[in-house]
Amino acid sequence: MFEALNERLTGVFDRITGRGALSEKDVSEAMREVRVALLEADVALPVVKDFIAFATERATGEDVIRSVKPADQVVKIVYDGLVEMLGGEEPTPINLNATPPAVILMAGLQGSGKTTT
């Protein structure tokens, strides 16, 4: 699933990277393709809507840095939005002071080492 999402997002960014300046139409086309890629990766619709609104606002707003290529800025905005959506850079500590037994959910792709752990 992650490989397919990675391929779709890479394809979207490859198409916009060759352009010197991006118009709002270019940004909306890129965000439409990002939306489809996230929905195909089974991301919940409300999460996708919030993420696309956030990324579109940042990509077309005043925050765009003039010294960076616009396509690179869009890639950075989408990356930052995905990191934020998945919980941010800082790991959340596990509270093991709960009343025993402490329940911990382990989720991961097939073959990622859940059982071994």
Protein backbone atom coordinates (compact mmCIF):
# COMPACT_ATOMS: atom_id res chain seq x y z
CA MET A 1 0.00 0.00 0.00
CA PHE A 2 2.79 2.44 0.93
CA GLU A 3 4.68 1.62 -2.26
CA ALA A 4 1.62 2.42 -4.39
CA LEU A 5 1.05 5.67 -2.49
CA ASN A 6 4.73 6.55 -2.87
CA GLU A 7 4.62 5.89 -6.62
CA ARG A 8 1.48 8.00 -7.09
CA LEU A 9 2.84 10.94 -5.10
CA THR A 10 6.21 10.72 -6.87
CA GLY A 11 4.40 10.81 -10.23
CA VAL A 12 2.44 13.89 -9.19
CA PHE A 13 5.55 15.73 -8.07
CA ASP A 14 7.58 14.70 -11.12
CA ARG A 15 4.95 16.30 -13.36
CA ILE A 16 5.06 19.65 -11.56
CA THR A 17 8.81 19.77 -10.86
CA GLY A 18 9.77 20.60 -14.46
CA ARG A 19 7.77 23.83 -14.45
CA GLY A 20 9.31 27.16 -13.53
CA ALA A 21 6.29 28.75 -11.88
CA LEU A 22 3.07 27.13 -10.78
CA SER A 23 -0.35 28.66 -11.27
CA GLU A 24 -3.32 28.02 -9.05
CA LYS A 25 -4.56 25.63 -11.74
CA ASP A 26 -1.33 23.61 -11.47
CA VAL A 27 -1.66 23.46 -7.69
CA SER A 28 -5.32 22.39 -7.87
CA GLU A 29 -4.48 19.63 -10.39
CA ALA A 30 -1.66 18.38 -8.16
CA MET A 31 -3.92 18.44 -5.09
CA ARG A 32 -6.62 16.55 -7.00
CA GLU A 33 -4.12 13.80 -7.81
CA VAL A 34 -2.86 13.76 -4.21
CA ARG A 35 -6.50 13.42 -3.06
CA VAL A 36 -7.05 10.44 -5.36
CA ALA A 37 -3.80 8.82 -4.22
CA LEU A 38 -4.75 9.18 -0.54
CA LEU A 39 -8.27 7.85 -1.13
CA GLU A 40 -6.88 4.85 -3.01
CA ALA A 41 -4.61 4.23 0.00
CA ASP A 42 -7.76 3.95 2.18
CA VAL A 43 -7.28 7.23 4.04
CA ALA A 44 -10.57 8.42 5.57
CA LEU A 45 -12.43 11.02 3.50
CA PRO A 46 -12.64 13.68 6.27
CA VAL A 47 -8.88 13.37 6.83
CA VAL A 48 -8.22 13.72 3.09
CA LYS A 49 -10.49 16.78 2.85
CA ASP A 50 -8.78 18.49 5.79
CA PHE A 51 -5.33 17.64 4.43
CA ILE A 52 -6.08 18.90 0.91
CA ALA A 53 -7.57 22.14 2.29
CA PHE A 54 -4.46 22.64 4.46
CA ALA A 55 -2.02 21.90 1.63
CA THR A 56 -3.87 24.01 -0.95
CA GLU A 57 -4.04 26.96 1.42
CA ARG A 58 -0.32 26.74 2.16
CA ALA A 59 0.65 26.22 -1.51
CA THR A 60 -1.32 29.22 -2.80
CA GLY A 61 -0.90 31.48 0.22
CA GLU A 62 1.63 34.12 1.08
CA ASP A 63 3.90 31.57 2.79
CA VAL A 64 5.43 30.46 -0.52
CA ILE A 65 9.14 31.26 -0.40
CA ARG A 66 10.33 33.17 -3.46
CA SER A 67 13.88 31.75 -3.46
CA VAL A 68 12.66 28.14 -3.75
CA LYS A 69 11.16 26.64 -6.89
CA PRO A 70 7.36 26.54 -6.52
CA ALA A 71 7.22 22.80 -7.28
CA ASP A 72 9.74 22.10 -4.52
CA GLN A 73 7.66 24.22 -2.16
CA VAL A 74 4.53 22.16 -2.97
CA VAL A 75 6.46 18.94 -2.30
CA LYS A 76 7.59 20.34 1.07
CA ILE A 77 4.05 21.45 1.97
CA VAL A 78 2.60 18.02 1.15
CA TYR A 79 5.41 16.29 3.08
CA ASP A 80 4.89 18.49 6.15
CA GLY A 81 1.13 17.91 5.97
CA LEU A 82 1.57 14.14 5.80
CA VAL A 83 3.98 14.17 8.75
CA GLU A 84 1.53 16.26 10.77
CA MET A 85 -1.40 14.03 9.80
CA LEU A 86 0.49 10.91 10.89
CA GLY A 87 1.32 12.30 14.32
CA GLY A 88 4.23 14.68 13.88
CA GLU A 89 7.97 14.29 14.31
CA GLU A 90 7.99 13.70 18.07
CA PRO A 91 7.09 10.20 19.26
CA THR A 92 4.39 9.99 21.88
CA PRO A 93 5.62 8.21 25.00
CA ILE A 94 3.81 5.04 26.07
CA ASN A 95 2.15 5.31 29.50
CA LEU A 96 2.85 1.98 31.22
CA ASN A 97 1.57 3.26 34.58
CA ALA A 98 -1.95 2.12 33.69
CA THR A 99 -3.80 -0.46 35.76
CA PRO A 100 -2.46 -3.87 34.65
CA PRO A 101 -2.74 -5.24 32.12
CA ALA A 102 -1.54 -2.34 29.96
CA VAL A 103 -2.97 -2.76 26.47
CA ILE A 104 -0.74 -1.83 23.54
CA LEU A 105 -1.95 -2.01 19.95
CA MET A 106 0.66 -2.95 17.39
CA ALA A 107 -0.29 -2.26 13.81
CA GLY A 108 1.82 -2.77 10.74
CA LEU A 109 2.03 -4.24 7.31
CA GLN A 110 2.34 -7.98 6.77
CA GLY A 111 5.92 -9.07 7.39
CA SER A 112 6.94 -5.95 9.33
CA GLY A 113 7.92 -7.85 12.52
CA LYS A 114 4.89 -7.51 14.82
CA THR A 115 4.99 -11.11 15.99
CA THR A 116 8.77 -11.13 16.39
CA THR A 117 8.59 -7.98 18.49
